[in-house]
Amino acid sequence: MEYDVIGDIHGCADALLSLLRKLGYRDQQGAWRHADRQVIFVGDFIDRGPKQLDTVNIARRMVDAGTALAVMGNHELNAIGWFTPDPSHPGEFLRKHTQKNLSQHAAFLKEVNGNLLHAEIIDWFKGLPLWLELPGLNVVHACWHFPFMAQLANILGPNRTLPDALYLEAFVEPLDDATKDNADFTVFKAVEALVKGLEVNLPAGHSFRDADDHERNRIRVQWWQSGKVSYLDGAEVPLSIRSQLATIDLTAHVPEHATLGYSREGPVIFGHYWRTGTPEIIQNGRLACIDYSIAKGGQLVAYRWEGETLLVNEHFISV
């Protein structure tokens, strides 16, 4: 099977329809179909964009019809947590209903609050696997962390889905940074790594404000980097912050549970990282990020995989 892997959509249904047409898919019998190919969605269907339900419905119909596969993104995980009561704290939810969390989730809630479809969509999100290992191709939303995947595989539900019994553990953050960063396996750390990426502490005295104007003192890192990497080259923060830390070794701050670099067989395609500019493959063709910030005026990007073991720039298609 050959696949068209589509990046984070974030409620931009019109762009999704344009991309499907450009890829040669047609709306037939209630789902978008291609005669020879199948879509893979990397998650983050919701939040930010203008057409939340339309986006979910397009993807859901394709997955249900067998014309697409999909993995869970952090925004689907967050939506599940927002909707699910916290059994250890009556009256609260697994994802706290804070103003910060509300602002990130507002576009989706505006369309589903009071709508019977809300619970139905959450159930569908729960059926999304955390990653896909296909013949010749690997897909995950944010980070291919093989040690965590190997440990999760023994406790996940069918098709690498999170069973209901694990959602509380998936949302309970360790109490301190030492616990968060050490090598001990927890469901929280594993799920966070796969759908949100690896994080490290910034050196003492440093912080930055993210795209939503929230102050951060932990940062996402480019998990695909190998060898000794500085904050300038490996941190997922604005250049102004990275430049201040240009001579500091980022790898010295990597959590014990993490190993930077990718050494598995088969390429990995992922989303999540809000890229801009012209899509480019990573690590000599072994990886590709296909999140190019459609919800912030960027592009919706797909990678057209035709069975190659090394990815090539010519196979990116965008609208």
Protein backbone atom coordinates (compact mmCIF):
# COMPACT_ATOMS: atom_id res chain seq x y z
CA MET A 1 0.00 0.00 0.00
CA GLU A 2 1.15 3.53 -0.79
CA TYR A 3 0.15 6.40 1.49
CA ASP A 4 -0.44 10.13 1.54
CA VAL A 5 0.48 11.29 5.04
CA ILE A 6 -1.31 14.55 5.94
CA GLY A 7 -0.11 16.98 8.60
CA ASP A 8 -1.89 18.77 11.45
CA ILE A 9 -5.18 20.26 10.18
CA HIS A 10 -6.48 22.13 13.26
CA GLY A 11 -9.98 22.73 11.96
CA CYS A 12 -8.95 24.01 8.53
CA ALA A 13 -11.41 21.85 6.59
CA ASP A 14 -11.30 23.91 3.40
CA ALA A 15 -7.54 23.41 3.13
CA LEU A 16 -8.02 19.69 3.76
CA LEU A 17 -10.53 19.41 0.93
CA SER A 18 -8.22 21.32 -1.40
CA LEU A 19 -5.32 19.04 -0.51
CA LEU A 20 -7.37 15.87 -0.99
CA ARG A 21 -8.41 17.07 -4.45
CA LYS A 22 -4.81 17.94 -5.31
CA LEU A 23 -3.76 14.44 -4.25
CA GLY A 24 -6.36 12.90 -6.54
CA TYR A 25 -9.00 11.87 -3.99
CA ARG A 26 -12.70 12.13 -4.80
CA ASP A 27 -15.79 12.22 -2.58
CA GLN A 28 -17.56 8.94 -3.29
CA GLN A 29 -20.11 7.01 -1.23
CA GLY A 30 -19.75 9.33 1.75
CA ALA A 31 -15.93 9.36 1.99
CA TRP A 32 -12.96 10.74 0.10
CA ARG A 33 -11.29 7.92 -1.85
CA HIS A 34 -8.38 7.22 -4.15
CA ALA A 35 -8.23 4.29 -6.53
CA ASP A 36 -4.76 3.19 -5.42
CA ARG A 37 -3.77 5.04 -2.26
CA GLN A 38 -4.72 5.62 1.37
CA VAL A 39 -4.37 8.69 3.60
CA ILE A 40 -2.68 8.68 6.99
CA PHE A 41 -3.55 11.58 9.31
CA VAL A 42 -0.92 12.46 11.94
CA GLY A 43 -3.51 13.87 14.38
CA ASP A 44 -4.39 17.35 15.63
CA PHE A 45 -7.66 17.55 13.72
CA ILE A 46 -9.09 20.15 16.09
CA ASP A 47 -8.62 23.54 17.83
CA ARG A 48 -7.67 26.92 16.33
CA GLY A 49 -9.27 26.75 12.86
CA PRO A 50 -12.74 27.80 11.62
CA LYS A 51 -14.34 24.41 10.81
CA GLN A 52 -13.85 21.93 13.62
CA LEU A 53 -16.71 19.51 13.02
CA ASP A 54 -16.26 19.53 9.27
CA THR A 55 -12.62 18.53 9.70
CA VAL A 56 -13.40 15.71 12.12
CA ASN A 57 -16.24 14.45 9.95
CA ILE A 58 -14.09 14.30 6.80
CA ALA A 59 -11.34 12.38 8.58
CA ARG A 60 -13.71 10.16 10.52
CA ARG A 61 -15.66 9.10 7.46
CA MET A 62 -12.44 8.25 5.66
CA VAL A 63 -11.08 6.20 8.56
CA ASP A 64 -14.41 4.43 9.07
CA ALA A 65 -14.61 3.67 5.34
CA GLY A 66 -11.06 2.29 5.27
CA THR A 67 -9.73 5.00 2.96
CA ALA A 68 -7.55 6.50 5.72
CA LEU A 69 -5.64 5.67 8.89
CA ALA A 70 -4.91 8.10 11.71
CA VAL A 71 -2.91 8.48 14.92
CA MET A 72 -3.75 10.49 18.03
CA GLY A 73 -2.37 14.01 18.38
CA ASN A 74 -1.95 16.00 21.56
CA HIS A 75 -5.08 18.02 20.81
CA GLU A 76 -7.19 14.86 20.64
CA LEU A 77 -5.64 13.68 23.91
CA ASN A 78 -6.35 17.07 25.48
CA ALA A 79 -9.95 16.95 24.25
CA ILE A 80 -10.42 13.55 25.88
CA GLY A 81 -9.01 14.88 29.15
CA TRP A 82 -11.17 18.00 29.05
CA PHE A 83 -14.30 15.87 28.60
CA THR A 84 -13.47 13.07 31.06
CA PRO A 85 -14.24 13.45 34.79
CA ASP A 86 -11.32 12.91 37.16
CA PRO A 87 -12.29 9.94 39.35
CA SER A 88 -9.75 10.98 42.01
CA HIS A 89 -11.15 14.54 42.29
CA PRO A 90 -14.96 14.64 42.07
CA GLY A 91 -16.23 17.62 40.11
CA GLU A 92 -12.97 18.04 38.21
CA PHE A 93 -11.73 16.68 34.88
CA LEU A 94 -8.56 14.92 33.78
CA ARG A 95 -7.52 18.07 31.92
CA LYS A 96 -8.12 20.99 34.23
CA HIS A 97 -10.66 23.58 33.07
CA THR A 98 -8.26 26.49 33.48
CA GLN A 99 -8.38 29.65 31.40
CA LYS A 100 -5.15 28.61 29.65
CA ASN A 101 -6.58 25.22 28.66
CA LEU A 102 -9.90 26.77 27.68
CA SER A 103 -8.21 29.25 25.35
CA GLN A 104 -6.42 26.39 23.54
CA HIS A 105 -9.64 24.39 23.18
CA ALA A 106 -12.17 27.19 22.58
CA ALA A 107 -12.67 26.73 18.84
CA PHE A 108 -13.62 23.08 19.25
CA LEU A 109 -15.84 23.70 22.29
CA LYS A 110 -17.70 26.46 20.47
CA GLU A 111 -18.91 23.91 17.91
CA VAL A 112 -19.57 20.93 20.20
CA ASN A 113 -20.74 22.27 23.56
CA GLY A 114 -24.32 21.12 24.08
CA ASN A 115 -24.07 18.97 20.97
CA LEU A 116 -24.74 15.25 21.29
CA LEU A 117 -21.86 14.71 18.87
CA HIS A 118 -19.35 15.80 21.54
CA ALA A 119 -19.35 12.47 23.38
CA GLU A 120 -19.41 10.57 20.11
CA ILE A 121 -16.36 12.43 18.79
CA ILE A 122 -14.48 11.86 22.06
CA ASP A 123 -15.17 8.13 21.75
CA TRP A 124 -13.79 8.24 18.20
CA PHE A 125 -10.67 10.04 19.41
CA LYS A 126 -10.17 7.26 21.97
CA GLY A 127 -10.03 4.77 19.13
CA LEU A 128 -7.00 6.44 17.55
CA PRO A 129 -3.70 4.57 17.99
CA LEU A 130 -0.67 6.28 19.52
CA TRP A 131 1.52 5.24 16.59
CA LEU A 132 1.57 3.15 13.42
CA GLU A 133 4.21 0.68 12.33
CA LEU A 134 3.43 -0.22 8.73
CA PRO A 135 5.48 -2.23 6.24
CA GLY A 136 8.31 0.18 5.38
CA LEU A 137 6.84 3.24 7.13
CA ASN A 138 6.38 4.54 10.70
CA VAL A 139 3.99 7.33 11.74
CA VAL A 140 3.58 9.11 15.08
CA HIS A 141 2.27 12.53 16.03
CA ALA A 142 5.31 14.01 17.79
CA CYS A 143 8.16 11.68 18.79
CA TRP A 144 9.31 8.17 17.93
CA HIS A 145 10.48 6.99 21.37
CA PHE A 146 11.08 3.28 20.94
CA PRO A 147 11.80 2.38 24.61
CA PHE A 148 8.50 3.92 25.70
CA MET A 149 6.67 2.28 22.82
CA ALA A 150 8.05 -1.12 23.81
CA GLN A 151 6.83 -0.65 27.39
CA LEU A 152 3.45 0.74 26.38
CA ALA A 153 2.84 -2.09 23.91
CA ASN A 154 2.27 -4.51 26.80
CA ILE A 155 -0.54 -2.47 28.35
CA LEU A 156 -2.29 -0.75 25.43
CA GLY A 157 -5.62 -1.79 23.99
CA PRO A 158 -6.29 -3.09 20.47
CA ASN A 159 -4.35 -1.33 17.69
CA ARG A 160 -2.15 0.54 20.21
CA THR A 161 -5.01 2.56 21.69
CA LEU A 162 -5.12 3.85 25.25
CA PRO A 163 -7.67 1.83 27.25
CA ASP A 164 -9.99 3.78 29.55
CA ALA A 165 -8.21 2.35 32.60
CA LEU A 166 -4.99 4.17 31.66
CA TYR A 167 -6.33 7.66 31.05
CA LEU A 168 -5.95 8.73 34.67
CA GLU A 169 -2.28 7.70 34.60
CA ALA A 170 -1.83 9.43 31.24
CA PHE A 171 -2.91 12.75 32.77
CA VAL A 172 -1.23 12.52 36.19
CA GLU A 173 2.05 14.41 35.91
CA PRO A 174 4.90 13.36 38.24
CA LEU A 175 5.21 15.74 41.15
CA ASP A 176 8.75 16.94 40.58
CA ASP A 177 11.24 17.37 37.80
CA ALA A 178 13.52 14.67 39.17
CA THR A 179 10.73 12.13 38.83
CA LYS A 180 9.69 13.52 35.47
CA ASP A 181 13.18 13.31 34.02
CA ASN A 182 14.52 10.06 35.44
CA ALA A 183 14.61 6.77 33.63
CA ASP A 184 11.62 5.16 35.37
CA PHE A 185 8.73 4.39 33.03
CA THR A 186 5.36 6.02 33.67
CA VAL A 187 2.33 6.10 31.42
CA PHE A 188 2.30 9.88 31.72
CA LYS A 189 5.88 10.31 30.49
CA ALA A 190 5.41 7.80 27.68
CA VAL A 191 2.19 9.28 26.31
CA GLU A 192 3.50 12.83 26.67
CA ALA A 193 6.62 11.93 24.70
CA LEU A 194 4.72 10.32 21.83
CA VAL A 195 2.04 13.00 21.36
CA LYS A 196 3.81 16.13 22.66
CA GLY A 197 7.50 15.44 22.15
CA LEU A 198 10.52 15.34 24.44
CA GLU A 199 11.11 18.25 26.80
CA VAL A 200 14.16 19.45 28.71
CA ASN A 201 14.66 22.16 31.31
CA LEU A 202 16.07 25.49 30.24
CA PRO A 203 19.17 26.50 32.21
CA ALA A 204 18.39 28.35 35.44
CA GLY A 205 17.26 31.92 34.88
CA HIS A 206 15.98 31.37 31.35
CA SER A 207 12.39 31.21 30.12
CA PHE A 208 10.40 32.19 27.05
CA ARG A 209 6.82 32.93 26.05
CA ASP A 210 5.28 30.46 23.62
CA ALA A 211 2.99 31.12 20.66
CA ASP A 212 0.02 31.40 23.03
CA ASP A 213 1.92 33.84 25.30
CA HIS A 214 2.42 31.34 28.13
CA GLU A 215 5.74 31.46 30.00
CA ARG A 216 7.80 28.28 29.68
CA ASN A 217 10.95 27.08 31.40
CA ARG A 218 10.87 23.65 29.77
CA ILE A 219 11.25 23.31 26.02
CA ARG A 220 10.60 20.77 23.32
CA VAL A 221 13.69 19.46 21.63
CA GLN A 222 14.45 18.02 18.23
CA TRP A 223 14.48 14.38 19.30
CA TRP A 224 15.81 13.36 15.90
CA GLN A 225 19.16 15.08 16.48
CA SER A 226 22.08 12.77 17.28
CA GLY A 227 25.40 13.39 18.96
CA LYS A 228 26.23 16.45 21.03
CA VAL A 229 23.74 19.24 20.27
CA SER A 230 23.58 22.80 21.60
CA TYR A 231 20.38 24.64 22.45
CA LEU A 232 20.97 26.72 19.32
CA ASP A 233 20.73 23.65 17.07
CA GLY A 234 18.34 21.40 18.97
CA ALA A 235 15.76 23.47 20.85
CA GLU A 236 12.25 24.14 19.57
CA VAL A 237 12.12 27.77 20.73
CA PRO A 238 12.50 31.13 18.98
CA LEU A 239 15.95 32.00 17.62
CA SER A 240 16.26 34.85 20.12
CA ILE A 241 16.18 32.33 22.99
CA ARG A 242 18.38 29.77 21.24
CA SER A 243 21.00 32.40 20.50
CA GLN A 244 21.33 33.22 24.20
CA LEU A 245 22.10 29.54 24.84
CA ALA A 246 24.20 28.88 21.75
CA THR A 247 27.22 27.47 23.57
CA ILE A 248 25.35 25.35 26.14
CA ASP A 249 25.12 21.60 25.57
CA LEU A 250 21.44 20.66 25.31
CA THR A 251 22.18 16.94 25.46
CA ALA A 252 23.48 17.34 29.00
CA HIS A 253 19.94 18.29 30.05
CA VAL A 254 18.10 15.50 28.24
CA PRO A 255 16.00 13.32 30.60
CA GLU A 256 17.44 9.95 31.54
CA HIS A 257 14.56 8.18 29.78
CA ALA A 258 15.32 9.83 26.43
CA THR A 259 17.78 8.97 23.70
CA LEU A 260 18.19 11.55 20.97
CA GLY A 261 18.43 10.37 17.40
CA TYR A 262 16.60 7.74 15.39
CA SER A 263 18.14 4.37 14.68
CA ARG A 264 15.16 2.17 13.74
CA GLU A 265 14.51 0.76 10.30
CA GLY A 266 12.09 2.54 7.99
CA PRO A 267 11.39 6.28 7.74
CA VAL A 268 9.26 8.16 10.29
CA ILE A 269 6.73 10.82 9.33
CA PHE A 270 5.33 13.05 12.08
CA GLY A 271 3.66 16.42 12.70
CA HIS A 272 3.35 18.71 15.74
CA TYR A 273 6.24 21.18 15.39
CA TRP A 274 4.74 24.20 13.56
CA ARG A 275 7.28 24.39 10.74
CA THR A 276 7.33 27.28 8.24
CA GLY A 277 8.84 27.79 4.81
CA THR A 278 9.52 25.08 2.25
CA PRO A 279 8.99 21.50 3.50
CA GLU A 280 12.24 19.56 3.76
CA ILE A 281 13.14 16.05 4.81
CA ILE A 282 15.23 15.49 7.97
CA GLN A 283 18.21 13.30 8.85
CA ASN A 284 19.22 12.42 5.30
CA GLY A 285 15.80 11.27 4.26
CA ARG A 286 14.94 9.13 7.26
CA LEU A 287 12.39 11.51 8.79
CA ALA A 288 9.90 14.17 7.76
CA CYS A 289 7.84 16.67 9.74
CA ILE A 290 4.66 17.64 7.90
CA ASP A 291 3.18 20.24 10.27
CA TYR A 292 3.57 23.52 8.38
CA SER A 293 1.30 25.77 10.47
CA ILE A 294 -1.90 25.83 8.39
CA ALA A 295 -3.82 27.32 11.33
CA LYS A 296 -1.37 30.23 11.51
CA GLY A 297 -1.36 31.19 7.86
CA GLY A 298 1.02 28.47 6.70
CA GLN A 299 0.49 25.41 4.50
CA LEU A 300 -1.31 22.12 4.87
CA VAL A 301 1.30 19.57 3.82
CA ALA A 302 1.22 15.93 2.79
CA TYR A 303 4.03 13.53 2.06
CA ARG A 304 3.27 11.19 -0.85
CA TRP A 305 5.00 7.94 0.16
CA GLU A 306 5.56 5.45 -2.63
CA GLY A 307 7.50 2.79 -0.76
CA GLU A 308 10.89 4.52 -0.67
CA THR A 309 13.27 3.78 2.19
CA LEU A 310 14.70 7.30 2.05
CA LEU A 311 12.25 10.19 1.87
CA VAL A 312 12.71 12.89 -0.79
CA ASN A 313 11.71 16.55 -0.92
CA GLU A 314 9.95 16.05 -4.25
CA HIS A 315 7.20 14.04 -2.54
CA PHE A 316 5.90 16.91 -0.39
CA ILE A 317 2.59 18.29 -1.66
CA SER A 318 0.95 21.31 -0.08
CA VAL A 319 -1.86 23.85 -0.37
